[in-house]
């Protein structure tokens, strides 16, 4: 996995709400490669529930934020001066990512 191979420190928050189709109630749990969590111990942290996003973004060692570009996430990241790697999925997120990447130029869009 690229994140593991990058050897960069990270916090990866994976919530069930971020997978599946939110409009028809589909929920899928994100699967990680076997042994991933153990291999990145000491380098990265995988959180499977809520995380204190404003506190993480405010930490001086936070160098970037990959975000779905929900409005609150955008505002929190901009307020803390953390650049965004935009990965919009649905609803207002694509429009918000345009604001972030093309208008305000505080991030880059990730193509998937």
C-alpha atoms as a PDB file:
ATOM      1  CA  UNK A   1       0.000   0.000   0.000  1.00  0.00           C
ATOM      2  CA  UNK A   2       1.372   3.419  -0.965  1.00  0.00           C
ATOM      3  CA  UNK A   3       0.777   4.948   2.442  1.00  0.00           C
ATOM      4  CA  UNK A   4       2.864   2.253   4.089  1.00  0.00           C
ATOM      5  CA  UNK A   5       5.618   2.503   1.474  1.00  0.00           C
ATOM      6  CA  UNK A   6       5.813   6.288   1.836  1.00  0.00           C
ATOM      7  CA  UNK A   7       7.328   5.905   5.331  1.00  0.00           C
ATOM      8  CA  UNK A   8       5.522   9.131   6.292  1.00  0.00           C
ATOM      9  CA  UNK A   9       3.809   9.473   9.660  1.00  0.00           C
ATOM     10  CA  UNK A  10       0.021   9.512   9.412  1.00  0.00           C
ATOM     11  CA  UNK A  11      -3.320   9.278  11.141  1.00  0.00           C
ATOM     12  CA  UNK A  12      -5.928   7.569   8.954  1.00  0.00           C
ATOM     13  CA  UNK A  13      -9.505   7.874  10.157  1.00  0.00           C
ATOM     14  CA  UNK A  14     -11.747   5.237   8.542  1.00  0.00           C
ATOM     15  CA  UNK A  15     -15.395   5.448   9.440  1.00  0.00           C
ATOM     16  CA  UNK A  16     -18.150   3.177   8.175  1.00  0.00           C
ATOM     17  CA  UNK A  17     -20.094   6.289   7.173  1.00  0.00           C
ATOM     18  CA  UNK A  18     -17.436   7.040   4.549  1.00  0.00           C
ATOM     19  CA  UNK A  19     -18.045   3.846   2.566  1.00  0.00           C
ATOM     20  CA  UNK A  20     -20.982   2.727   0.468  1.00  0.00           C
ATOM     21  CA  UNK A  21     -23.882   4.731  -0.900  1.00  0.00           C
ATOM     22  CA  UNK A  22     -25.134   7.190   1.709  1.00  0.00           C
ATOM     23  CA  UNK A  23     -28.353   7.755  -0.239  1.00  0.00           C
ATOM     24  CA  UNK A  24     -29.622   4.170  -0.056  1.00  0.00           C
ATOM     25  CA  UNK A  25     -28.259   3.306   3.395  1.00  0.00           C
ATOM     26  CA  UNK A  26     -25.488   1.026   2.145  1.00  0.00           C
ATOM     27  CA  UNK A  27     -22.619   0.730   4.625  1.00  0.00           C
ATOM     28  CA  UNK A  28     -19.402  -1.199   4.066  1.00  0.00           C
ATOM     29  CA  UNK A  29     -16.474  -1.480   6.424  1.00  0.00           C
ATOM     30  CA  UNK A  30     -13.185  -0.485   4.800  1.00  0.00           C
ATOM     31  CA  UNK A  31     -10.853  -3.457   4.558  1.00  0.00           C
ATOM     32  CA  UNK A  32      -7.118  -3.021   5.009  1.00  0.00           C
ATOM     33  CA  UNK A  33      -4.423  -5.421   3.784  1.00  0.00           C
ATOM     34  CA  UNK A  34      -3.617  -8.235   6.208  1.00  0.00           C
ATOM     35  CA  UNK A  35      -1.100  -7.093   8.809  1.00  0.00           C
ATOM     36  CA  UNK A  36      -1.178  -3.429   7.715  1.00  0.00           C
ATOM     37  CA  UNK A  37      -1.967  -2.011  11.164  1.00  0.00           C
ATOM     38  CA  UNK A  38       0.826  -4.040  12.764  1.00  0.00           C
ATOM     39  CA  UNK A  39       3.368  -3.099  10.077  1.00  0.00           C
ATOM     40  CA  UNK A  40       2.751   0.653  10.437  1.00  0.00           C
ATOM     41  CA  UNK A  41       2.724   0.656  14.240  1.00  0.00           C
ATOM     42  CA  UNK A  42       5.009   3.442  15.421  1.00  0.00           C
ATOM     43  CA  UNK A  43       4.735   5.194  12.060  1.00  0.00           C
ATOM     44  CA  UNK A  44       1.005   5.491  11.539  1.00  0.00           C
ATOM     45  CA  UNK A  45      -2.270   5.130  13.343  1.00  0.00           C
ATOM     46  CA  UNK A  46      -5.569   3.813  11.974  1.00  0.00           C
ATOM     47  CA  UNK A  47      -8.653   5.101  13.806  1.00  0.00           C
ATOM     48  CA  UNK A  48     -11.943   3.282  13.142  1.00  0.00           C
ATOM     49  CA  UNK A  49     -14.242   5.783  14.817  1.00  0.00           C
ATOM     50  CA  UNK A  50     -14.510   9.464  15.646  1.00  0.00           C
ATOM     51  CA  UNK A  51     -11.273  11.455  15.921  1.00  0.00           C
ATOM     52  CA  UNK A  52     -10.704  15.005  17.247  1.00  0.00           C
ATOM     53  CA  UNK A  53     -10.178  16.516  13.797  1.00  0.00           C
ATOM     54  CA  UNK A  54      -9.684  20.165  14.908  1.00  0.00           C
ATOM     55  CA  UNK A  55      -7.037  19.053  17.426  1.00  0.00           C
ATOM     56  CA  UNK A  56      -5.234  16.963  14.806  1.00  0.00           C
ATOM     57  CA  UNK A  57      -5.307  19.796  12.254  1.00  0.00           C
ATOM     58  CA  UNK A  58      -4.038  22.264  14.879  1.00  0.00           C
ATOM     59  CA  UNK A  59      -1.030  20.095  15.748  1.00  0.00           C
ATOM     60  CA  UNK A  60       2.210  21.618  14.417  1.00  0.00           C
ATOM     61  CA  UNK A  61       3.339  18.316  12.871  1.00  0.00           C
ATOM     62  CA  UNK A  62       0.264  18.036  10.622  1.00  0.00           C
ATOM     63  CA  UNK A  63       1.500  18.768   7.108  1.00  0.00           C
ATOM     64  CA  UNK A  64      -1.552  17.884   5.031  1.00  0.00           C
ATOM     65  CA  UNK A  65      -5.123  16.622   5.142  1.00  0.00           C
ATOM     66  CA  UNK A  66      -6.786  14.251   2.663  1.00  0.00           C
ATOM     67  CA  UNK A  67     -10.448  15.197   2.894  1.00  0.00           C
ATOM     68  CA  UNK A  68     -13.786  14.374   1.297  1.00  0.00           C
ATOM     69  CA  UNK A  69     -14.323  18.170   1.427  1.00  0.00           C
ATOM     70  CA  UNK A  70     -17.337  18.445   3.660  1.00  0.00           C
ATOM     71  CA  UNK A  71     -17.831  22.108   4.488  1.00  0.00           C
ATOM     72  CA  UNK A  72     -16.780  21.849   8.146  1.00  0.00           C
ATOM     73  CA  UNK A  73     -13.635  19.902   7.245  1.00  0.00           C
ATOM     74  CA  UNK A  74     -12.692  22.551   4.676  1.00  0.00           C
ATOM     75  CA  UNK A  75     -13.187  25.414   7.117  1.00  0.00           C
ATOM     76  CA  UNK A  76     -11.283  23.620   9.906  1.00  0.00           C
ATOM     77  CA  UNK A  77      -8.346  22.873   7.611  1.00  0.00           C
ATOM     78  CA  UNK A  78      -8.178  26.396   6.164  1.00  0.00           C
ATOM     79  CA  UNK A  79      -8.422  27.902   9.647  1.00  0.00           C
ATOM     80  CA  UNK A  80      -5.475  25.791  10.804  1.00  0.00           C
ATOM     81  CA  UNK A  81      -3.426  26.518   7.659  1.00  0.00           C
ATOM     82  CA  UNK A  82      -3.269  22.867   6.590  1.00  0.00           C
ATOM     83  CA  UNK A  83      -3.306  22.170   2.818  1.00  0.00           C
ATOM     84  CA  UNK A  84      -6.018  19.802   1.585  1.00  0.00           C
ATOM     85  CA  UNK A  85      -5.779  16.866  -0.807  1.00  0.00           C
ATOM     86  CA  UNK A  86      -9.405  16.962  -1.988  1.00  0.00           C
ATOM     87  CA  UNK A  87     -11.224  13.669  -2.553  1.00  0.00           C
ATOM     88  CA  UNK A  88     -14.895  14.633  -2.979  1.00  0.00           C
ATOM     89  CA  UNK A  89     -17.533  11.890  -3.053  1.00  0.00           C
ATOM     90  CA  UNK A  90     -21.057  13.349  -3.181  1.00  0.00           C
ATOM     91  CA  UNK A  91     -23.468  16.144  -2.197  1.00  0.00           C
ATOM     92  CA  UNK A  92     -21.723  19.515  -1.675  1.00  0.00           C
ATOM     93  CA  UNK A  93     -18.248  17.965  -1.650  1.00  0.00           C
ATOM     94  CA  UNK A  94     -17.425  18.391  -5.387  1.00  0.00           C
ATOM     95  CA  UNK A  95     -18.393  22.082  -5.233  1.00  0.00           C
ATOM     96  CA  UNK A  96     -16.399  22.571  -2.050  1.00  0.00           C
ATOM     97  CA  UNK A  97     -13.361  20.927  -3.646  1.00  0.00           C
ATOM     98  CA  UNK A  98     -13.558  23.426  -6.543  1.00  0.00           C
ATOM     99  CA  UNK A  99     -13.475  26.262  -4.011  1.00  0.00           C
ATOM    100  CA  UNK A 100     -10.476  24.672  -2.283  1.00  0.00           C
ATOM    101  CA  UNK A 101      -8.466  23.785  -5.392  1.00  0.00           C
ATOM    102  CA  UNK A 102      -9.402  26.326  -8.066  1.00  0.00           C
ATOM    103  CA  UNK A 103     -10.707  29.446  -6.322  1.00  0.00           C
ATOM    104  CA  UNK A 104      -8.879  29.649  -2.987  1.00  0.00           C
ATOM    105  CA  UNK A 105      -5.941  27.454  -4.108  1.00  0.00           C
ATOM    106  CA  UNK A 106      -5.453  25.896  -0.688  1.00  0.00           C
ATOM    107  CA  UNK A 107      -5.365  22.309  -1.924  1.00  0.00           C
ATOM    108  CA  UNK A 108      -5.148  19.823  -4.788  1.00  0.00           C
ATOM    109  CA  UNK A 109      -7.817  17.492  -6.116  1.00  0.00           C
ATOM    110  CA  UNK A 110      -7.132  13.739  -6.021  1.00  0.00           C
ATOM    111  CA  UNK A 111      -8.368  11.853  -9.083  1.00  0.00           C
ATOM    112  CA  UNK A 112      -9.723   8.364  -8.504  1.00  0.00           C
END
